[in-house]
Amino acid sequence: MTTQLCFFLLCTFGVLCVLGVKSFSLAPRVAALSLVALFVGNSASAPQEPKHYFLGFDRNDYPGDKAMKLLRHDFAFTGYWLGNPPGETTNSWSGKRELLRSERFGFVLLFAGPTSGQLREQRYTRKRVADDTQAAAAAARREGFPPGSVIFLDIEEGGRLPSTYLTYLKAWASELERLGFRGGVYCSAIPIDEGEGLTLITSDFIREQIKPTELVYWVYNDACPPSPGCSAPQDPLAPSKSGIAYAQIWQFVRSPRDKQIARHCRGYAKDGNCYAALDTAHRFHLDMNSATSADPSGGAK
């Protein structure tokens, strides 16, 4: 019981005594209880203590075991590819889970999604998503990630995705659930001007169009504001500060810096990339993220 509530109850009791309510008849008791209920209700609705958020990074290439130990000083979690990153023919993250887990890293599991152009029609889309979910789940098991881990589909393009992509995303969620994992999506939270005063945000579009299917959302918005720019704050901003209230992860820095979207952002190196403060040689450019959990995919269990 809080000090304020104890004080309030004592005051209430004192009022009853002053009124001469020796037997605590019904009317005074009701009045007193109503006051207590009002006080408790107001206390419950009072602002909560600020929640702590967590800083992480991701990149396509594994930076090396020594670099990961260094990066752990600033970052609580790391991206972890379960297949080849976009545009790559190999995956340098394979086999690194146990080492990173021993360093107390949390994980964000990633799997490269198709482009809209690759999803030509519904029949091919259904086959593609079946193959992709099988591959993602098999890789997660092989790497030792536990059942229930969230696997994020990496969607690099923004805007109105075609109906075939929406079919893919619904199946991505349902097939991963059937295989023992959870579906997530990495997508844009940057407003797109559609003309005539209309804007579209890709994450909102996806969420609305695939209802009632649910995904875990990792969004990117590296415009300043809301992004703080290339920095590794000890007290990261909440993912909701991206402008997406339901986001679990917010990527607020992308390397290299987008010359249009992030043109007002500070802290980037002369080559346009973002580096950790400890990486004085600028060897490993990073994308930076804040999250509601130190282990957003639940992969460190």
Protein backbone atom coordinates (compact mmCIF):
# COMPACT_ATOMS: atom_id res chain seq x y z
CA MET A 1 0.00 0.00 0.00
CA THR A 2 1.39 3.42 -0.91
CA THR A 3 2.12 6.13 1.63
CA GLN A 4 -0.41 8.39 -0.09
CA LEU A 5 -3.19 5.79 0.21
CA CYS A 6 -2.43 5.15 3.90
CA PHE A 7 -2.60 8.87 4.56
CA PHE A 8 -5.88 9.13 2.68
CA LEU A 9 -7.47 6.26 4.63
CA LEU A 10 -6.42 7.81 7.93
CA CYS A 11 -7.97 11.11 6.87
CA THR A 12 -11.18 9.36 5.85
CA PHE A 13 -11.35 7.57 9.18
CA GLY A 14 -10.73 10.88 10.93
CA VAL A 15 -13.61 12.53 9.07
CA LEU A 16 -15.95 9.73 10.10
CA CYS A 17 -14.90 10.15 13.71
CA VAL A 18 -15.44 13.91 13.61
CA LEU A 19 -18.92 13.32 12.19
CA GLY A 20 -19.64 11.06 15.13
CA VAL A 21 -20.09 7.98 13.01
CA LYS A 22 -19.55 5.40 15.70
CA SER A 23 -21.43 2.56 14.04
CA PHE A 24 -20.31 3.31 10.50
CA SER A 25 -23.87 3.48 9.13
CA LEU A 26 -24.49 2.81 5.44
CA ALA A 27 -24.45 6.34 4.01
CA PRO A 28 -21.11 7.44 5.48
CA ARG A 29 -19.55 4.09 4.64
CA VAL A 30 -20.66 4.40 1.03
CA ALA A 31 -19.32 7.93 0.83
CA ALA A 32 -15.99 6.90 2.34
CA LEU A 33 -15.64 3.89 0.07
CA SER A 34 -16.50 6.01 -2.96
CA LEU A 35 -13.74 8.44 -2.06
CA VAL A 36 -11.27 5.59 -1.61
CA ALA A 37 -12.27 4.07 -4.96
CA LEU A 38 -11.84 7.43 -6.67
CA PHE A 39 -8.40 7.84 -5.11
CA VAL A 40 -7.28 4.34 -6.11
CA GLY A 41 -8.63 4.81 -9.63
CA ASN A 42 -6.75 8.06 -10.04
CA SER A 43 -3.59 6.47 -8.66
CA ALA A 44 -3.82 3.57 -11.11
CA SER A 45 -4.22 5.94 -14.04
CA ALA A 46 -1.30 8.10 -13.01
CA PRO A 47 1.67 8.18 -15.39
CA GLN A 48 3.95 5.17 -14.99
CA GLU A 49 7.69 5.35 -14.59
CA PRO A 50 9.43 5.72 -17.98
CA LYS A 51 10.26 2.34 -19.48
CA HIS A 52 13.80 1.47 -20.46
CA TYR A 53 14.48 0.70 -24.12
CA PHE A 54 17.37 -1.12 -25.71
CA LEU A 55 19.92 -0.27 -28.37
CA GLY A 56 20.90 -2.70 -31.13
CA PHE A 57 22.46 -2.80 -34.56
CA ASP A 58 22.29 -4.79 -37.77
CA ARG A 59 24.39 -5.16 -40.91
CA ASN A 60 24.59 -7.59 -43.80
CA ASP A 61 28.16 -8.79 -43.18
CA TYR A 62 29.30 -10.36 -39.93
CA PRO A 63 31.97 -7.98 -38.57
CA GLY A 64 34.09 -10.66 -36.89
CA ASP A 65 34.28 -12.19 -33.43
CA LYS A 66 36.58 -9.53 -31.97
CA ALA A 67 34.46 -6.72 -33.37
CA MET A 68 31.31 -8.24 -31.88
CA LYS A 69 32.91 -8.29 -28.43
CA LEU A 70 33.74 -4.60 -28.89
CA LEU A 71 30.27 -3.72 -30.14
CA ARG A 72 28.67 -5.42 -27.15
CA HIS A 73 29.81 -2.46 -25.03
CA ASP A 74 27.25 -0.24 -26.77
CA PHE A 75 24.61 -2.64 -28.08
CA ALA A 76 22.24 -5.05 -26.35
CA PHE A 77 21.13 -6.94 -29.46
CA THR A 78 22.19 -7.67 -33.02
CA GLY A 79 20.52 -8.53 -36.28
CA TYR A 80 21.13 -12.14 -37.36
CA TRP A 81 20.50 -13.34 -40.90
CA LEU A 82 19.00 -16.80 -41.37
CA GLY A 83 19.64 -16.74 -45.11
CA ASN A 84 21.66 -14.74 -47.56
CA PRO A 85 21.19 -10.99 -47.07
CA PRO A 86 19.79 -9.03 -50.04
CA GLY A 87 22.21 -9.04 -52.96
CA GLU A 88 24.57 -11.55 -51.31
CA THR A 89 25.40 -15.12 -52.34
CA THR A 90 26.59 -16.26 -48.88
CA ASN A 91 25.63 -15.67 -45.25
CA SER A 92 28.55 -14.83 -42.97
CA TRP A 93 26.36 -14.96 -39.82
CA SER A 94 25.85 -18.73 -39.99
CA GLY A 95 27.10 -20.63 -36.97
CA LYS A 96 27.61 -17.57 -34.76
CA ARG A 97 24.63 -17.86 -32.39
CA GLU A 98 26.36 -19.62 -29.49
CA LEU A 99 29.34 -17.29 -29.51
CA LEU A 100 27.07 -14.23 -29.54
CA ARG A 101 24.83 -15.73 -26.90
CA SER A 102 27.90 -16.23 -24.69
CA GLU A 103 28.55 -12.49 -25.09
CA ARG A 104 24.97 -11.88 -23.86
CA PHE A 105 23.69 -10.50 -27.15
CA GLY A 106 19.99 -10.54 -27.88
CA PHE A 107 18.85 -11.28 -31.43
CA VAL A 108 16.69 -9.99 -34.25
CA LEU A 109 16.29 -12.82 -36.77
CA LEU A 110 16.11 -11.77 -40.42
CA PHE A 111 15.14 -13.46 -43.66
CA ALA A 112 15.27 -11.65 -47.01
CA GLY A 113 11.85 -11.15 -48.59
CA PRO A 114 11.02 -11.20 -52.29
CA THR A 115 10.53 -8.08 -54.35
CA SER A 116 7.09 -7.22 -55.67
CA GLY A 117 8.27 -8.03 -59.17
CA GLN A 118 9.18 -11.57 -58.14
CA LEU A 119 5.65 -12.33 -56.97
CA ARG A 120 4.16 -12.55 -60.44
CA GLU A 121 0.89 -14.30 -59.64
CA GLN A 122 -0.92 -16.01 -56.78
CA ARG A 123 0.06 -19.60 -57.56
CA TYR A 124 3.77 -18.77 -57.64
CA THR A 125 3.37 -16.60 -54.52
CA ARG A 126 1.92 -19.48 -52.49
CA LYS A 127 4.76 -21.78 -53.55
CA ARG A 128 7.39 -19.13 -52.86
CA VAL A 129 6.16 -18.40 -49.35
CA ALA A 130 5.93 -22.11 -48.55
CA ASP A 131 9.54 -22.57 -49.65
CA ASP A 132 10.73 -19.44 -47.81
CA THR A 133 9.07 -20.28 -44.50
CA GLN A 134 10.46 -23.81 -44.64
CA ALA A 135 13.94 -22.43 -45.32
CA ALA A 136 13.69 -19.81 -42.56
CA ALA A 137 12.40 -22.28 -39.96
CA ALA A 138 15.01 -24.89 -40.90
CA ALA A 139 17.80 -22.31 -40.58
CA ALA A 140 16.49 -21.14 -37.21
CA ARG A 141 16.47 -24.72 -35.89
CA ARG A 142 19.91 -25.44 -37.34
CA GLU A 143 21.34 -22.34 -35.65
CA GLY A 144 19.81 -23.38 -32.33
CA PHE A 145 17.12 -20.71 -31.98
CA PRO A 146 14.23 -21.83 -29.77
CA PRO A 147 10.63 -22.43 -30.85
CA GLY A 148 8.57 -19.28 -30.69
CA SER A 149 11.38 -17.03 -31.92
CA VAL A 150 10.22 -14.16 -34.14
CA ILE A 151 11.57 -14.24 -37.70
CA PHE A 152 11.38 -10.89 -39.48
CA LEU A 153 10.82 -10.77 -43.22
CA ASP A 154 13.03 -8.07 -44.71
CA ILE A 155 11.00 -5.86 -47.09
CA GLU A 156 13.20 -3.16 -48.59
CA GLU A 157 10.59 -1.48 -50.80
CA GLY A 158 7.90 0.88 -49.57
CA GLY A 159 4.50 2.02 -50.76
CA ARG A 160 1.37 0.12 -51.75
CA LEU A 161 2.39 -3.51 -52.02
CA PRO A 162 0.47 -5.58 -54.58
CA SER A 163 -2.15 -8.17 -53.62
CA THR A 164 0.32 -10.99 -54.20
CA TYR A 165 2.58 -9.54 -51.50
CA LEU A 166 -0.31 -9.36 -49.06
CA THR A 167 -1.05 -13.03 -49.79
CA TYR A 168 2.61 -13.76 -49.09
CA LEU A 169 2.56 -11.91 -45.75
CA LYS A 170 -0.56 -13.66 -44.51
CA ALA A 171 0.97 -17.02 -45.34
CA TRP A 172 4.33 -15.94 -43.85
CA ALA A 173 2.60 -15.52 -40.47
CA SER A 174 0.44 -18.66 -40.62
CA GLU A 175 3.12 -20.99 -42.00
CA LEU A 176 5.74 -19.88 -39.48
CA GLU A 177 3.24 -20.42 -36.67
CA ARG A 178 2.57 -23.92 -37.98
CA LEU A 179 6.32 -24.56 -38.02
CA GLY A 180 6.72 -23.38 -34.43
CA PHE A 181 7.90 -19.80 -34.91
CA ARG A 182 6.36 -16.31 -35.04
CA GLY A 183 6.17 -14.02 -38.03
CA GLY A 184 7.51 -10.49 -38.09
CA VAL A 185 8.15 -7.92 -40.78
CA TYR A 186 10.80 -5.25 -41.33
CA CYS A 187 9.28 -2.42 -43.36
CA SER A 188 9.14 1.32 -43.89
CA ALA A 189 7.48 3.79 -41.52
CA ILE A 190 8.41 6.78 -43.68
CA PRO A 191 5.37 8.74 -44.90
CA ILE A 192 5.04 8.71 -48.69
CA ASP A 193 3.35 11.65 -50.41
CA GLU A 194 0.63 10.31 -52.71
CA GLY A 195 -0.55 13.75 -53.82
CA GLU A 196 -3.72 15.70 -53.11
CA GLY A 197 -2.79 15.88 -49.43
CA LEU A 198 -2.68 12.10 -49.00
CA THR A 199 0.17 10.17 -47.42
CA LEU A 200 0.81 6.46 -47.04
CA ILE A 201 2.95 4.60 -44.50
CA THR A 202 3.94 1.11 -45.58
CA SER A 203 3.67 -0.48 -42.12
CA ASP A 204 0.16 0.94 -41.65
CA PHE A 205 -0.85 -0.25 -45.11
CA ILE A 206 0.39 -3.78 -44.41
CA ARG A 207 -1.24 -3.94 -40.98
CA GLU A 208 -4.60 -2.79 -42.31
CA GLN A 209 -4.61 -4.95 -45.43
CA ILE A 210 -3.68 -8.27 -43.78
CA LYS A 211 -6.18 -8.09 -40.90
CA PRO A 212 -6.89 -10.20 -38.88
CA THR A 213 -3.41 -11.66 -39.46
CA GLU A 214 -0.93 -10.33 -36.91
CA LEU A 215 2.80 -9.71 -37.33
CA VAL A 216 5.51 -8.23 -35.12
CA TYR A 217 6.66 -4.92 -36.63
CA TRP A 218 10.22 -3.67 -37.02
CA VAL A 219 10.00 -0.33 -38.80
CA TYR A 220 12.56 2.00 -40.28
CA ASN A 221 12.35 5.78 -40.32
CA ASP A 222 15.71 7.54 -40.43
CA ALA A 223 14.40 11.05 -41.12
CA CYS A 224 15.45 13.69 -38.57
CA PRO A 225 13.22 14.22 -36.74
CA PRO A 226 12.06 11.80 -35.39
CA SER A 227 15.43 10.02 -35.65
CA PRO A 228 18.16 11.33 -33.31
CA GLY A 229 20.70 10.77 -36.10
CA CYS A 230 23.83 8.65 -35.97
CA SER A 231 24.34 8.24 -32.25
CA ALA A 232 24.31 5.45 -29.68
CA PRO A 233 22.31 6.97 -26.81
CA GLN A 234 22.54 5.31 -23.40
CA ASP A 235 18.81 5.90 -23.03
CA PRO A 236 17.38 5.01 -26.47
CA LEU A 237 14.10 6.47 -27.65
CA ALA A 238 10.99 4.31 -27.56
CA PRO A 239 10.17 2.57 -30.88
CA SER A 240 6.83 4.39 -30.80
CA LYS A 241 8.75 7.63 -31.34
CA SER A 242 9.16 6.45 -34.93
CA GLY A 243 5.54 7.50 -35.39
CA ILE A 244 4.32 3.88 -35.26
CA ALA A 245 2.70 3.15 -31.91
CA TYR A 246 2.68 -0.64 -32.42
CA ALA A 247 6.35 -0.94 -33.48
CA GLN A 248 8.48 -3.27 -31.35
CA ILE A 249 11.74 -2.18 -33.03
CA TRP A 250 12.66 1.10 -34.68
CA GLN A 251 15.60 1.38 -37.07
CA PHE A 252 16.51 5.05 -36.75
CA VAL A 253 19.80 4.90 -38.68
CA ARG A 254 20.61 3.27 -42.03
CA SER A 255 24.07 3.12 -43.55
CA PRO A 256 24.83 4.71 -45.87
CA ARG A 257 22.74 7.77 -45.09
CA ASP A 258 19.88 8.40 -47.49
CA LYS A 259 20.74 11.77 -49.02
CA GLN A 260 17.11 12.83 -49.19
CA ILE A 261 15.34 11.23 -46.23
CA ALA A 262 18.19 11.67 -43.72
CA ARG A 263 19.59 14.92 -45.10
CA HIS A 264 18.99 16.78 -41.82
CA CYS A 265 20.61 14.10 -39.65
CA ARG A 266 23.90 14.52 -37.84
CA GLY A 267 26.64 12.22 -36.60
CA TYR A 268 27.39 10.36 -39.84
CA ALA A 269 31.00 10.00 -40.99
CA LYS A 270 32.32 11.77 -44.07
CA ASP A 271 31.76 8.63 -46.15
CA GLY A 272 28.04 8.83 -45.32
CA ASN A 273 28.00 5.81 -43.00
CA CYS A 274 27.28 5.46 -39.30
CA TYR A 275 29.86 3.86 -36.98
CA ALA A 276 29.97 2.93 -33.32
CA ALA A 277 31.96 5.38 -31.19
CA LEU A 278 34.44 2.62 -30.27
CA ASP A 279 35.07 1.85 -33.96
CA THR A 280 37.54 4.69 -34.40
CA ALA A 281 38.99 3.10 -37.56
CA HIS A 282 35.52 3.15 -39.19
CA ARG A 283 35.73 -0.49 -40.22
CA PHE A 284 32.11 -1.56 -39.66
CA HIS A 285 29.25 0.67 -40.77
CA LEU A 286 26.01 -0.01 -38.94
CA ASP A 287 22.26 0.38 -38.98
CA MET A 288 21.05 1.29 -35.49
CA ASN A 289 17.82 0.33 -33.72
CA SER A 290 15.90 0.77 -30.50
CA ALA A 291 13.59 -1.94 -29.17
CA THR A 292 11.18 -2.72 -26.37
CA SER A 293 13.25 -5.80 -25.47
CA ALA A 294 16.94 -6.63 -25.21
CA ASP A 295 16.15 -9.82 -27.14
CA PRO A 296 13.46 -8.78 -29.66
CA SER A 297 13.20 -12.16 -31.42
CA GLY A 298 13.48 -14.16 -28.21
CA GLY A 299 16.45 -15.98 -29.71
CA ALA A 300 18.79 -15.87 -26.70
CA LYS A 301 16.71 -18.21 -24.55
